[in-house]
Amino acid sequence: MVKRKFKYAINHYLSIQPRPVHIGTVARILLRDHNIPHDTFDQDRFLREEDSDEIPADRLEVYAQLLDVPVDLLYQKD
């Protein structure tokens, strides 16, 4: 089985959030407080390593703040 490799570790940090925090919660906060639509968040979460697109620095900073991690940890490293 081939494992899909995403460019950013957003899904990983979403998966280890405390129980009341889940994708729907984060998506609502992003839209309400930062005007980032759910579809944009989904596109960002599922960018693959080989994709040429990048998440803009300001949006990546918002994700890092919501997930309570430094921005550099959102970059996938293996």
PDB file of N, CA and C in Angstrom:
ATOM      1  N   MET A   1       0.846  -1.182   0.000  1.00  0.00           N
ATOM      2  CA  MET A   1       0.000   0.000   0.000  1.00  0.00           C
ATOM      3  C   MET A   1       0.891   1.244   0.000  1.00  0.00           C
ATOM      4  N   VAL A   2       0.557   2.195  -0.857  1.00  0.00           N
ATOM      5  CA  VAL A   2       1.304   3.447  -0.940  1.00  0.00           C
ATOM      6  C   VAL A   2       0.646   4.469  -0.025  1.00  0.00           C
ATOM      7  N   LYS A   3       1.449   5.056   0.835  1.00  0.00           N
ATOM      8  CA  LYS A   3       0.935   6.069   1.748  1.00  0.00           C
ATOM      9  C   LYS A   3       1.005   7.435   1.063  1.00  0.00           C
ATOM     10  N   ARG A   4      -0.114   8.161   1.057  1.00  0.00           N
ATOM     11  CA  ARG A   4      -0.121   9.508   0.486  1.00  0.00           C
ATOM     12  C   ARG A   4       0.649  10.426   1.405  1.00  0.00           C
ATOM     13  N   LYS A   5       1.528  11.193   0.827  1.00  0.00           N
ATOM     14  CA  LYS A   5       2.357  12.106   1.607  1.00  0.00           C
ATOM     15  C   LYS A   5       1.872  13.524   1.354  1.00  0.00           C
ATOM     16  N   PHE A   6       1.426  14.164   2.414  1.00  0.00           N
ATOM     17  CA  PHE A   6       0.962  15.541   2.294  1.00  0.00           C
ATOM     18  C   PHE A   6       2.095  16.502   2.577  1.00  0.00           C
ATOM     19  N   LYS A   7       2.001  17.667   1.994  1.00  0.00           N
ATOM     20  CA  LYS A   7       3.039  18.685   2.123  1.00  0.00           C
ATOM     21  C   LYS A   7       3.100  19.255   3.534  1.00  0.00           C
ATOM     22  N   TYR A   8       1.953  19.351   4.186  1.00  0.00           N
ATOM     23  CA  TYR A   8       1.875  19.947   5.517  1.00  0.00           C
ATOM     24  C   TYR A   8       1.314  18.933   6.517  1.00  0.00           C
ATOM     25  N   ALA A   9       1.679  19.063   7.766  1.00  0.00           N
ATOM     26  CA  ALA A   9       1.261  18.137   8.825  1.00  0.00           C
ATOM     27  C   ALA A   9      -0.014  18.603   9.535  1.00  0.00           C
ATOM     28  N   ILE A  10      -0.841  19.339   8.852  1.00  0.00           N
ATOM     29  CA  ILE A  10      -2.068  19.868   9.454  1.00  0.00           C
ATOM     30  C   ILE A  10      -2.952  18.733   9.966  1.00  0.00           C
ATOM     31  N   ASN A  11      -3.137  17.696   9.158  1.00  0.00           N
ATOM     32  CA  ASN A  11      -4.008  16.578   9.570  1.00  0.00           C
ATOM     33  C   ASN A  11      -3.470  15.880  10.812  1.00  0.00           C
ATOM     34  N   HIS A  12      -2.171  15.732  10.892  1.00  0.00           N
ATOM     35  CA  HIS A  12      -1.588  15.098  12.073  1.00  0.00           C
ATOM     36  C   HIS A  12      -1.918  15.907  13.326  1.00  0.00           C
ATOM     37  N   TYR A  13      -1.687  17.215  13.284  1.00  0.00           N
ATOM     38  CA  TYR A  13      -1.930  18.031  14.474  1.00  0.00           C
ATOM     39  C   TYR A  13      -3.421  18.172  14.775  1.00  0.00           C
ATOM     40  N   LEU A  14      -4.261  18.078  13.757  1.00  0.00           N
ATOM     41  CA  LEU A  14      -5.707  18.023  14.016  1.00  0.00           C
ATOM     42  C   LEU A  14      -6.059  16.748  14.768  1.00  0.00           C
ATOM     43  N   SER A  15      -5.423  15.655  14.406  1.00  0.00           N
ATOM     44  CA  SER A  15      -5.770  14.362  15.003  1.00  0.00           C
ATOM     45  C   SER A  15      -5.352  14.240  16.465  1.00  0.00           C
ATOM     46  N   ILE A  16      -4.424  15.067  16.916  1.00  0.00           N
ATOM     47  CA  ILE A  16      -3.967  14.951  18.306  1.00  0.00           C
ATOM     48  C   ILE A  16      -4.476  16.093  19.189  1.00  0.00           C
ATOM     49  N   GLN A  17      -5.460  16.823  18.697  1.00  0.00           N
ATOM     50  CA  GLN A  17      -6.056  17.885  19.504  1.00  0.00           C
ATOM     51  C   GLN A  17      -6.904  17.272  20.615  1.00  0.00           C
ATOM     52  N   PRO A  18      -7.123  18.023  21.689  1.00  0.00           N
ATOM     53  CA  PRO A  18      -8.007  17.528  22.756  1.00  0.00           C
ATOM     54  C   PRO A  18      -9.386  17.170  22.187  1.00  0.00           C
ATOM     55  N   ARG A  19     -10.059  16.288  22.853  1.00  0.00           N
ATOM     56  CA  ARG A  19     -11.315  15.722  22.371  1.00  0.00           C
ATOM     57  C   ARG A  19     -12.354  16.738  21.849  1.00  0.00           C
ATOM     58  N   PRO A  20     -12.616  17.856  22.520  1.00  0.00           N
ATOM     59  CA  PRO A  20     -13.665  18.739  21.997  1.00  0.00           C
ATOM     60  C   PRO A  20     -13.261  19.482  20.712  1.00  0.00           C
ATOM     61  N   VAL A  21     -11.992  19.437  20.354  1.00  0.00           N
ATOM     62  CA  VAL A  21     -11.540  20.122  19.144  1.00  0.00           C
ATOM     63  C   VAL A  21     -11.494  19.096  18.013  1.00  0.00           C
ATOM     64  N   HIS A  22     -12.264  19.367  16.960  1.00  0.00           N
ATOM     65  CA  HIS A  22     -12.262  18.486  15.796  1.00  0.00           C
ATOM     66  C   HIS A  22     -12.332  19.345  14.546  1.00  0.00           C
ATOM     67  N   ILE A  23     -12.319  18.719  13.424  1.00  0.00           N
ATOM     68  CA  ILE A  23     -12.248  19.435  12.154  1.00  0.00           C
ATOM     69  C   ILE A  23     -13.384  20.437  11.982  1.00  0.00           C
ATOM     70  N   GLY A  24     -14.586  20.068  12.376  1.00  0.00           N
ATOM     71  CA  GLY A  24     -15.720  20.983  12.256  1.00  0.00           C
ATOM     72  C   GLY A  24     -15.547  22.225  13.115  1.00  0.00           C
ATOM     73  N   THR A  25     -15.032  22.042  14.319  1.00  0.00           N
ATOM     74  CA  THR A  25     -14.774  23.171  15.212  1.00  0.00           C
ATOM     75  C   THR A  25     -13.758  24.117  14.596  1.00  0.00           C
ATOM     76  N   VAL A  26     -12.669  23.548  14.121  1.00  0.00           N
ATOM     77  CA  VAL A  26     -11.611  24.362  13.513  1.00  0.00           C
ATOM     78  C   VAL A  26     -12.145  25.079  12.271  1.00  0.00           C
ATOM     79  N   ALA A  27     -12.902  24.387  11.440  1.00  0.00           N
ATOM     80  CA  ALA A  27     -13.456  24.989  10.225  1.00  0.00           C
ATOM     81  C   ALA A  27     -14.378  26.164  10.552  1.00  0.00           C
ATOM     82  N   ARG A  28     -15.201  26.015  11.590  1.00  0.00           N
ATOM     83  CA  ARG A  28     -16.090  27.120  11.985  1.00  0.00           C
ATOM     84  C   ARG A  28     -15.298  28.327  12.485  1.00  0.00           C
ATOM     85  N   ILE A  29     -14.269  28.074  13.276  1.00  0.00           N
ATOM     86  CA  ILE A  29     -13.433  29.171  13.789  1.00  0.00           C
ATOM     87  C   ILE A  29     -12.710  29.869  12.636  1.00  0.00           C
ATOM     88  N   LEU A  30     -12.203  29.088  11.704  1.00  0.00           N
ATOM     89  CA  LEU A  30     -11.497  29.673  10.558  1.00  0.00           C
ATOM     90  C   LEU A  30     -12.411  30.588   9.759  1.00  0.00           C
ATOM     91  N   LEU A  31     -13.630  30.156   9.523  1.00  0.00           N
ATOM     92  CA  LEU A  31     -14.571  30.979   8.765  1.00  0.00           C
ATOM     93  C   LEU A  31     -14.994  32.203   9.570  1.00  0.00           C
ATOM     94  N   ARG A  32     -15.385  31.993  10.808  1.00  0.00           N
ATOM     95  CA  ARG A  32     -15.899  33.083  11.642  1.00  0.00           C
ATOM     96  C   ARG A  32     -14.834  34.128  11.959  1.00  0.00           C
ATOM     97  N   ASP A  33     -13.667  33.697  12.379  1.00  0.00           N
ATOM     98  CA  ASP A  33     -12.655  34.629  12.878  1.00  0.00           C
ATOM     99  C   ASP A  33     -11.621  35.063  11.838  1.00  0.00           C
ATOM    100  N   HIS A  34     -11.464  34.262  10.776  1.00  0.00           N
ATOM    101  CA  HIS A  34     -10.380  34.536   9.831  1.00  0.00           C
ATOM    102  C   HIS A  34     -10.842  34.571   8.379  1.00  0.00           C
ATOM    103  N   ASN A  35     -12.137  34.381   8.148  1.00  0.00           N
ATOM    104  CA  ASN A  35     -12.711  34.402   6.802  1.00  0.00           C
ATOM    105  C   ASN A  35     -12.021  33.400   5.859  1.00  0.00           C
ATOM    106  N   ILE A  36     -11.643  32.247   6.409  1.00  0.00           N
ATOM    107  CA  ILE A  36     -11.062  31.170   5.608  1.00  0.00           C
ATOM    108  C   ILE A  36     -12.139  30.107   5.435  1.00  0.00           C
ATOM    109  N   PRO A  37     -12.660  29.945   4.208  1.00  0.00           N
ATOM    110  CA  PRO A  37     -13.733  28.971   3.974  1.00  0.00           C
ATOM    111  C   PRO A  37     -13.272  27.529   4.187  1.00  0.00           C
ATOM    112  N   HIS A  38     -14.235  26.666   4.479  1.00  0.00           N
ATOM    113  CA  HIS A  38     -13.953  25.260   4.734  1.00  0.00           C
ATOM    114  C   HIS A  38     -13.259  24.604   3.536  1.00  0.00           C
ATOM    115  N   ASP A  39     -13.689  24.942   2.308  1.00  0.00           N
ATOM    116  CA  ASP A  39     -13.075  24.311   1.136  1.00  0.00           C
ATOM    117  C   ASP A  39     -11.613  24.717   0.975  1.00  0.00           C
ATOM    118  N   THR A  40     -11.269  25.941   1.355  1.00  0.00           N
ATOM    119  CA  THR A  40      -9.872  26.380   1.320  1.00  0.00           C
ATOM    120  C   THR A  40      -9.062  25.597   2.342  1.00  0.00           C
ATOM    121  N   PHE A  41      -9.612  25.434   3.532  1.00  0.00           N
ATOM    122  CA  PHE A  41      -8.951  24.662   4.577  1.00  0.00           C
ATOM    123  C   PHE A  41      -8.725  23.225   4.108  1.00  0.00           C
ATOM    124  N   ASP A  42      -9.734  22.628   3.480  1.00  0.00           N
ATOM    125  CA  ASP A  42      -9.591  21.255   2.979  1.00  0.00           C
ATOM    126  C   ASP A  42      -8.520  21.166   1.892  1.00  0.00           C
ATOM    127  N   GLN A  43      -8.506  22.120   0.982  1.00  0.00           N
ATOM    128  CA  GLN A  43      -7.479  22.123  -0.060  1.00  0.00           C
ATOM    129  C   GLN A  43      -6.087  22.200   0.563  1.00  0.00           C
ATOM    130  N   ASP A  44      -5.935  23.050   1.555  1.00  0.00           N
ATOM    131  CA  ASP A  44      -4.641  23.210   2.227  1.00  0.00           C
ATOM    132  C   ASP A  44      -4.231  21.927   2.948  1.00  0.00           C
ATOM    133  N   ARG A  45      -5.179  21.290   3.624  1.00  0.00           N
ATOM    134  CA  ARG A  45      -4.871  20.074   4.385  1.00  0.00           C
ATOM    135  C   ARG A  45      -4.412  18.925   3.504  1.00  0.00           C
ATOM    136  N   PHE A  46      -4.914  18.892   2.286  1.00  0.00           N
ATOM    137  CA  PHE A  46      -4.654  17.755   1.410  1.00  0.00           C
ATOM    138  C   PHE A  46      -3.685  18.046   0.267  1.00  0.00           C
ATOM    139  N   LEU A  47      -2.915  19.135   0.369  1.00  0.00           N
ATOM    140  CA  LEU A  47      -1.870  19.387  -0.627  1.00  0.00           C
ATOM    141  C   LEU A  47      -0.846  18.264  -0.543  1.00  0.00           C
ATOM    142  N   ARG A  48      -0.527  17.685  -1.663  1.00  0.00           N
ATOM    143  CA  ARG A  48       0.457  16.600  -1.679  1.00  0.00           C
ATOM    144  C   ARG A  48       1.858  17.156  -1.881  1.00  0.00           C
ATOM    145  N   GLU A  49       2.837  16.375  -1.480  1.00  0.00           N
ATOM    146  CA  GLU A  49       4.242  16.788  -1.580  1.00  0.00           C
ATOM    147  C   GLU A  49       4.601  17.291  -2.969  1.00  0.00           C
ATOM    148  N   GLU A  50       4.097  16.632  -3.984  1.00  0.00           N
ATOM    149  CA  GLU A  50       4.466  16.985  -5.354  1.00  0.00           C
ATOM    150  C   GLU A  50       3.702  18.196  -5.904  1.00  0.00           C
ATOM    151  N   ASP A  51       2.688  18.670  -5.195  1.00  0.00           N
ATOM    152  CA  ASP A  51       1.940  19.853  -5.635  1.00  0.00           C
ATOM    153  C   ASP A  51       2.826  21.088  -5.583  1.00  0.00           C
ATOM    154  N   SER A  52       2.682  21.937  -6.579  1.00  0.00           N
ATOM    155  CA  SER A  52       3.483  23.163  -6.604  1.00  0.00           C
ATOM    156  C   SER A  52       2.879  24.269  -5.730  1.00  0.00           C
ATOM    157  N   ASP A  53       1.596  24.131  -5.385  1.00  0.00           N
ATOM    158  CA  ASP A  53       0.941  25.138  -4.539  1.00  0.00           C
ATOM    159  C   ASP A  53       1.534  25.132  -3.137  1.00  0.00           C
ATOM    160  N   GLU A  54       1.506  26.285  -2.522  1.00  0.00           N
ATOM    161  CA  GLU A  54       1.941  26.456  -1.137  1.00  0.00           C
ATOM    162  C   GLU A  54       0.838  27.185  -0.377  1.00  0.00           C
ATOM    163  N   ILE A  55       0.763  26.970   0.905  1.00  0.00           N
ATOM    164  CA  ILE A  55      -0.165  27.726   1.742  1.00  0.00           C
ATOM    165  C   ILE A  55       0.503  29.066   2.034  1.00  0.00           C
ATOM    166  N   PRO A  56      -0.206  30.180   1.804  1.00  0.00           N
ATOM    167  CA  PRO A  56       0.378  31.495   2.118  1.00  0.00           C
ATOM    168  C   PRO A  56       0.773  31.576   3.600  1.00  0.00           C
ATOM    169  N   ALA A  57       1.857  32.284   3.866  1.00  0.00           N
ATOM    170  CA  ALA A  57       2.419  32.363   5.220  1.00  0.00           C
ATOM    171  C   ALA A  57       1.402  32.840   6.248  1.00  0.00           C
ATOM    172  N   ASP A  58       0.577  33.825   5.891  1.00  0.00           N
ATOM    173  CA  ASP A  58      -0.383  34.343   6.870  1.00  0.00           C
ATOM    174  C   ASP A  58      -1.433  33.294   7.227  1.00  0.00           C
ATOM    175  N   ARG A  59      -1.873  32.513   6.251  1.00  0.00           N
ATOM    176  CA  ARG A  59      -2.858  31.470   6.520  1.00  0.00           C
ATOM    177  C   ARG A  59      -2.215  30.320   7.298  1.00  0.00           C
ATOM    178  N   LEU A  60      -0.987  29.985   6.977  1.00  0.00           N
ATOM    179  CA  LEU A  60      -0.282  28.939   7.703  1.00  0.00           C
ATOM    180  C   LEU A  60      -0.100  29.336   9.170  1.00  0.00           C
ATOM    181  N   GLU A  61       0.141  30.608   9.419  1.00  0.00           N
ATOM    182  CA  GLU A  61       0.270  31.114  10.792  1.00  0.00           C
ATOM    183  C   GLU A  61      -1.049  30.967  11.551  1.00  0.00           C
ATOM    184  N   VAL A  62      -2.158  31.229  10.893  1.00  0.00           N
ATOM    185  CA  VAL A  62      -3.477  31.047  11.517  1.00  0.00           C
ATOM    186  C   VAL A  62      -3.673  29.585  11.904  1.00  0.00           C
ATOM    187  N   TYR A  63      -3.345  28.663  10.991  1.00  0.00           N
ATOM    188  CA  TYR A  63      -3.479  27.237  11.292  1.00  0.00           C
ATOM    189  C   TYR A  63      -2.598  26.858  12.481  1.00  0.00           C
ATOM    190  N   ALA A  64      -1.382  27.336  12.485  1.00  0.00           N
ATOM    191  CA  ALA A  64      -0.457  27.018  13.584  1.00  0.00           C
ATOM    192  C   ALA A  64      -1.003  27.519  14.917  1.00  0.00           C
ATOM    193  N   GLN A  65      -1.540  28.728  14.938  1.00  0.00           N
ATOM    194  CA  GLN A  65      -2.095  29.272  16.176  1.00  0.00           C
ATOM    195  C   GLN A  65      -3.273  28.434  16.658  1.00  0.00           C
ATOM    196  N   LEU A  66      -4.163  28.068  15.745  1.00  0.00           N
ATOM    197  CA  LEU A  66      -5.328  27.263  16.133  1.00  0.00           C
ATOM    198  C   LEU A  66      -4.929  25.878  16.626  1.00  0.00           C
ATOM    199  N   LEU A  67      -3.887  25.329  16.058  1.00  0.00           N
ATOM    200  CA  LEU A  67      -3.444  23.985  16.440  1.00  0.00           C
ATOM    201  C   LEU A  67      -2.418  24.020  17.562  1.00  0.00           C
ATOM    202  N   ASP A  68      -2.052  25.215  17.974  1.00  0.00           N
ATOM    203  CA  ASP A  68      -1.128  25.437  19.088  1.00  0.00           C
ATOM    204  C   ASP A  68       0.232  24.771  18.857  1.00  0.00           C
ATOM    205  N   VAL A  69       0.763  25.002  17.647  1.00  0.00           N
ATOM    206  CA  VAL A  69       2.097  24.505  17.299  1.00  0.00           C
ATOM    207  C   VAL A  69       2.857  25.600  16.557  1.00  0.00           C
ATOM    208  N   PRO A  70       4.189  25.567  16.600  1.00  0.00           N
ATOM    209  CA  PRO A  70       4.959  26.507  15.792  1.00  0.00           C
ATOM    210  C   PRO A  70       4.749  26.223  14.300  1.00  0.00           C
ATOM    211  N   VAL A  71       4.805  27.239  13.500  1.00  0.00           N
ATOM    212  CA  VAL A  71       4.597  27.097  12.056  1.00  0.00           C
ATOM    213  C   VAL A  71       5.532  26.049  11.462  1.00  0.00           C
ATOM    214  N   ASP A  72       6.779  26.024  11.873  1.00  0.00           N
ATOM    215  CA  ASP A  72       7.729  25.091  11.263  1.00  0.00           C
ATOM    216  C   ASP A  72       7.344  23.626  11.472  1.00  0.00           C
ATOM    217  N   LEU A  73       6.543  23.321  12.483  1.00  0.00           N
ATOM    218  CA  LEU A  73       6.102  21.939  12.692  1.00  0.00           C
ATOM    219  C   LEU A  73       5.013  21.522  11.703  1.00  0.00           C
ATOM    220  N   LEU A  74       4.402  22.493  11.042  1.00  0.00           N
ATOM    221  CA  LEU A  74       3.367  22.146  10.062  1.00  0.00           C
ATOM    222  C   LEU A  74       3.970  21.662   8.750  1.00  0.00           C
ATOM    223  N   TYR A  75       5.256  21.921   8.534  1.00  0.00           N
ATOM    224  CA  TYR A  75       5.916  21.406   7.332  1.00  0.00           C
ATOM    225  C   TYR A  75       6.259  19.944   7.558  1.00  0.00           C
ATOM    226  N   GLN A  76       5.808  19.063   6.655  1.00  0.00           N
ATOM    227  CA  GLN A  76       6.075  17.629   6.784  1.00  0.00           C
ATOM    228  C   GLN A  76       7.575  17.385   6.704  1.00  0.00           C
ATOM    229  N   LYS A  77       8.053  16.566   7.600  1.00  0.00           N
ATOM    230  CA  LYS A  77       9.466  16.178   7.602  1.00  0.00           C
ATOM    231  C   LYS A  77       9.537  14.673   7.813  1.00  0.00           C
ATOM    232  N   ASP A  78      10.373  14.024   7.063  1.00  0.00           N
ATOM    233  CA  ASP A  78      10.614  12.586   7.269  1.00  0.00           C
ATOM    234  C   ASP A  78      12.071  12.295   7.149  1.00  0.00           C
TER     235      ASP A  78
END
